[in-house]
C-alpha atoms as a PDB file:
ATOM      1  CA  MET A   1       7.513  15.856  -4.706  1.00  0.00           C
ATOM      2  CA  ALA A   2       4.195  16.339  -3.500  1.00  0.00           C
ATOM      3  CA  ILE A   3       3.421  13.482  -0.985  1.00  0.00           C
ATOM      4  CA  GLY A   4       0.699  12.124  -3.528  1.00  0.00           C
ATOM      5  CA  GLN A   5       2.753  12.184  -6.199  1.00  0.00           C
ATOM      6  CA  GLN A   6       5.617  10.223  -4.236  1.00  0.00           C
ATOM      7  CA  MET A   7       2.300   7.423  -3.066  1.00  0.00           C
ATOM      8  CA  MET A   8       1.451   6.714  -6.832  1.00  0.00           C
ATOM      9  CA  MET A   9       4.879   6.040  -7.814  1.00  0.00           C
ATOM     10  CA  ALA A  10       5.842   4.119  -4.986  1.00  0.00           C
ATOM     11  CA  VAL A  11       2.634   2.219  -5.263  1.00  0.00           C
ATOM     12  CA  ALA A  12       3.486   1.411  -9.567  1.00  0.00           C
ATOM     13  CA  GLU A  13       6.515   0.239  -9.392  1.00  0.00           C
ATOM     14  CA  SER A  14       6.287  -1.690  -6.565  1.00  0.00           C
ATOM     15  CA  VAL A  15       3.821  -3.596  -8.568  1.00  0.00           C
ATOM     16  CA  SER A  16       5.747  -3.451 -11.229  1.00  0.00           C
ATOM     17  CA  VAL A  17       9.127  -5.060  -9.456  1.00  0.00           C
ATOM     18  CA  PHE A  18       6.799  -7.644  -7.286  1.00  0.00           C
ATOM     19  CA  THR A  19       5.250  -9.099 -10.825  1.00  0.00           C
ATOM     20  CA  GLU A  20       8.951  -9.668 -12.127  1.00  0.00           C
ATOM     21  CA  LEU A  21       9.715 -10.999  -8.741  1.00  0.00           C
ATOM     22  CA  TYR A  22       7.072 -13.474  -8.523  1.00  0.00           C
ATOM     23  CA  ASP A  23       6.371 -14.655 -12.129  1.00  0.00           C
ATOM     24  CA  GLY A  24       2.217 -15.017 -11.951  1.00  0.00           C
ATOM     25  CA  ALA A  25       1.415 -13.054  -9.461  1.00  0.00           C
ATOM     26  CA  ARG A  26      -1.440 -10.998 -10.000  1.00  0.00           C
ATOM     27  CA  VAL A  27      -1.128  -7.791  -8.066  1.00  0.00           C
ATOM     28  CA  SER A  28      -2.994  -4.514  -8.565  1.00  0.00           C
ATOM     29  CA  GLY A  29      -2.510  -0.848  -6.902  1.00  0.00           C
ATOM     30  CA  GLY A  30      -4.103   2.223  -7.462  1.00  0.00           C
ATOM     31  CA  PRO A  31      -5.388   5.395  -6.121  1.00  0.00           C
ATOM     32  CA  LEU A  32      -8.428   5.865  -3.421  1.00  0.00           C
ATOM     33  CA  ASN A  33     -10.308   9.218  -3.323  1.00  0.00           C
ATOM     34  CA  ILE A  34     -10.665  10.167   0.319  1.00  0.00           C
ATOM     35  CA  GLN A  35     -10.879  13.685   1.369  1.00  0.00           C
ATOM     36  CA  GLY A  36      -7.929  15.458   2.909  1.00  0.00           C
ATOM     37  CA  GLY A  37      -4.828  13.029   1.774  1.00  0.00           C
ATOM     38  CA  TYR A  38      -4.401  10.543  -0.256  1.00  0.00           C
ATOM     39  CA  SER A  39      -4.592   6.948  -0.668  1.00  0.00           C
ATOM     40  CA  ALA A  40      -3.688   3.359  -2.343  1.00  0.00           C
ATOM     41  CA  VAL A  41      -4.576   0.337  -2.102  1.00  0.00           C
ATOM     42  CA  LEU A  42      -2.510  -3.208  -3.518  1.00  0.00           C
ATOM     43  CA  ASP A  43      -4.353  -5.879  -3.808  1.00  0.00           C
ATOM     44  CA  CYS A  44      -3.287  -9.543  -4.122  1.00  0.00           C
ATOM     45  CA  ALA A  45      -5.950 -11.805  -5.866  1.00  0.00           C
ATOM     46  CA  HIS A  46      -3.821 -14.706  -4.219  1.00  0.00           C
ATOM     47  CA  THR A  47      -4.168 -13.835  -1.072  1.00  0.00           C
ATOM     48  CA  ASN A  48      -6.809 -11.578  -1.241  1.00  0.00           C
ATOM     49  CA  ASN A  49      -5.075  -9.525   1.309  1.00  0.00           C
ATOM     50  CA  ARG A  50      -5.080  -5.591   0.268  1.00  0.00           C
ATOM     51  CA  ILE A  51      -2.234  -2.956   1.582  1.00  0.00           C
ATOM     52  CA  ILE A  52      -3.940   0.300   1.999  1.00  0.00           C
ATOM     53  CA  VAL A  53      -1.333   3.540   2.698  1.00  0.00           C
ATOM     54  CA  MET A  54      -2.819   6.988   3.613  1.00  0.00           C
ATOM     55  CA  THR A  55      -1.379  10.466   4.029  1.00  0.00           C
ATOM     56  CA  ALA A  56      -3.958  13.092   6.490  1.00  0.00           C
ATOM     57  CA  ASP A  57      -3.308  16.790   5.632  1.00  0.00           C
ATOM     58  CA  SER A  58      -4.164  17.406   9.125  1.00  0.00           C
ATOM     59  CA  LYS A  59      -0.601  15.221   9.580  1.00  0.00           C
ATOM     60  CA  PRO A  60       1.904  15.925   7.743  1.00  0.00           C
ATOM     61  CA  GLY A  61       5.090  14.541   7.435  1.00  0.00           C
ATOM     62  CA  GLU A  62       3.747  10.885   8.153  1.00  0.00           C
ATOM     63  CA  PHE A  63       1.804   8.121   6.854  1.00  0.00           C
ATOM     64  CA  ALA A  64      -0.624   4.871   7.800  1.00  0.00           C
ATOM     65  CA  ILE A  65      -0.090   1.752   6.333  1.00  0.00           C
ATOM     66  CA  ALA A  66      -2.119  -1.392   7.479  1.00  0.00           C
ATOM     67  CA  VAL A  67      -2.880  -4.782   5.926  1.00  0.00           C
ATOM     68  CA  ALA A  68      -6.617  -6.232   5.757  1.00  0.00           C
ATOM     69  CA  ASN A  69      -8.201  -9.731   4.358  1.00  0.00           C
ATOM     70  CA  LYS A  70     -10.849  -8.693   1.683  1.00  0.00           C
ATOM     71  CA  LYS A  71     -12.584 -11.608   2.482  1.00  0.00           C
ATOM     72  CA  ASP A  72     -12.605 -12.322   6.176  1.00  0.00           C
ATOM     73  CA  GLY A  73     -15.318  -8.675   7.290  1.00  0.00           C
ATOM     74  CA  ASN A  74     -12.566  -7.627  10.057  1.00  0.00           C
ATOM     75  CA  ASP A  75     -13.097  -3.981  10.584  1.00  0.00           C
ATOM     76  CA  ASP A  76     -11.000  -3.697  13.449  1.00  0.00           C
ATOM     77  CA  VAL A  77      -7.866  -3.258  11.087  1.00  0.00           C
ATOM     78  CA  LYS A  78      -4.179  -2.539  12.871  1.00  0.00           C
ATOM     79  CA  HIS A  79      -2.251   0.062  11.203  1.00  0.00           C
ATOM     80  CA  GLU A  80       1.208   1.237  11.238  1.00  0.00           C
ATOM     81  CA  VAL A  81       2.450   4.884  11.238  1.00  0.00           C
ATOM     82  CA  LEU A  82       5.537   5.689   9.322  1.00  0.00           C
ATOM     83  CA  PRO A  83       7.545   8.784   8.552  1.00  0.00           C
ATOM     84  CA  GLU A  84       6.919  10.014   4.939  1.00  0.00           C
ATOM     85  CA  SER A  85      10.360   9.944   4.201  1.00  0.00           C
ATOM     86  CA  GLN A  86       9.376   5.737   3.897  1.00  0.00           C
ATOM     87  CA  LEU A  87       6.735   6.004   1.861  1.00  0.00           C
ATOM     88  CA  THR A  88       8.759   4.183  -0.885  1.00  0.00           C
ATOM     89  CA  THR A  89       8.670   1.166  -3.626  1.00  0.00           C
ATOM     90  CA  SER A  90      11.096  -0.080  -1.116  1.00  0.00           C
ATOM     91  CA  THR A  91       9.068  -0.162   1.704  1.00  0.00           C
ATOM     92  CA  LEU A  92       6.245  -1.396  -0.103  1.00  0.00           C
ATOM     93  CA  LEU A  93       7.545  -4.363  -0.873  1.00  0.00           C
ATOM     94  CA  THR A  94       8.434  -5.396   2.236  1.00  0.00           C
ATOM     95  CA  TYR A  95       4.832  -5.217   2.933  1.00  0.00           C
ATOM     96  CA  MET A  96       4.045  -7.145   0.146  1.00  0.00           C
ATOM     97  CA  GLU A  97       6.589  -9.911   0.342  1.00  0.00           C
ATOM     98  CA  ALA A  98       5.071 -10.013   3.586  1.00  0.00           C
ATOM     99  CA  HIS A  99       1.711 -10.506   2.956  1.00  0.00           C
ATOM    100  CA  PHE A 100       1.538 -11.418  -0.951  1.00  0.00           C
ATOM    101  CA  THR A 101       3.435 -14.580  -0.663  1.00  0.00           C
ATOM    102  CA  MET A 102       1.704 -17.296   1.658  1.00  0.00           C
END
């Protein structure tokens, strides 16, 4: 499966599973348009946190994931680079549970 399809499937599934696990959760997710790769965001209306997932064509086999708060205006967002094989619903749910359930 192509990395863009893999990302979109993981994002859609993680939103679906998270809202089933956490009744009343207000989360959404979808693609962001970038050049030279793929990206998607997961947003939580309750915490105002956003999880950003991104690939770069120049760095095959890996992806970056970061968490930012939409309201704090901090441009220095730390990210983690993981192997492409970890771009799964499970990985995204781990981040969502850590940052969307405060």
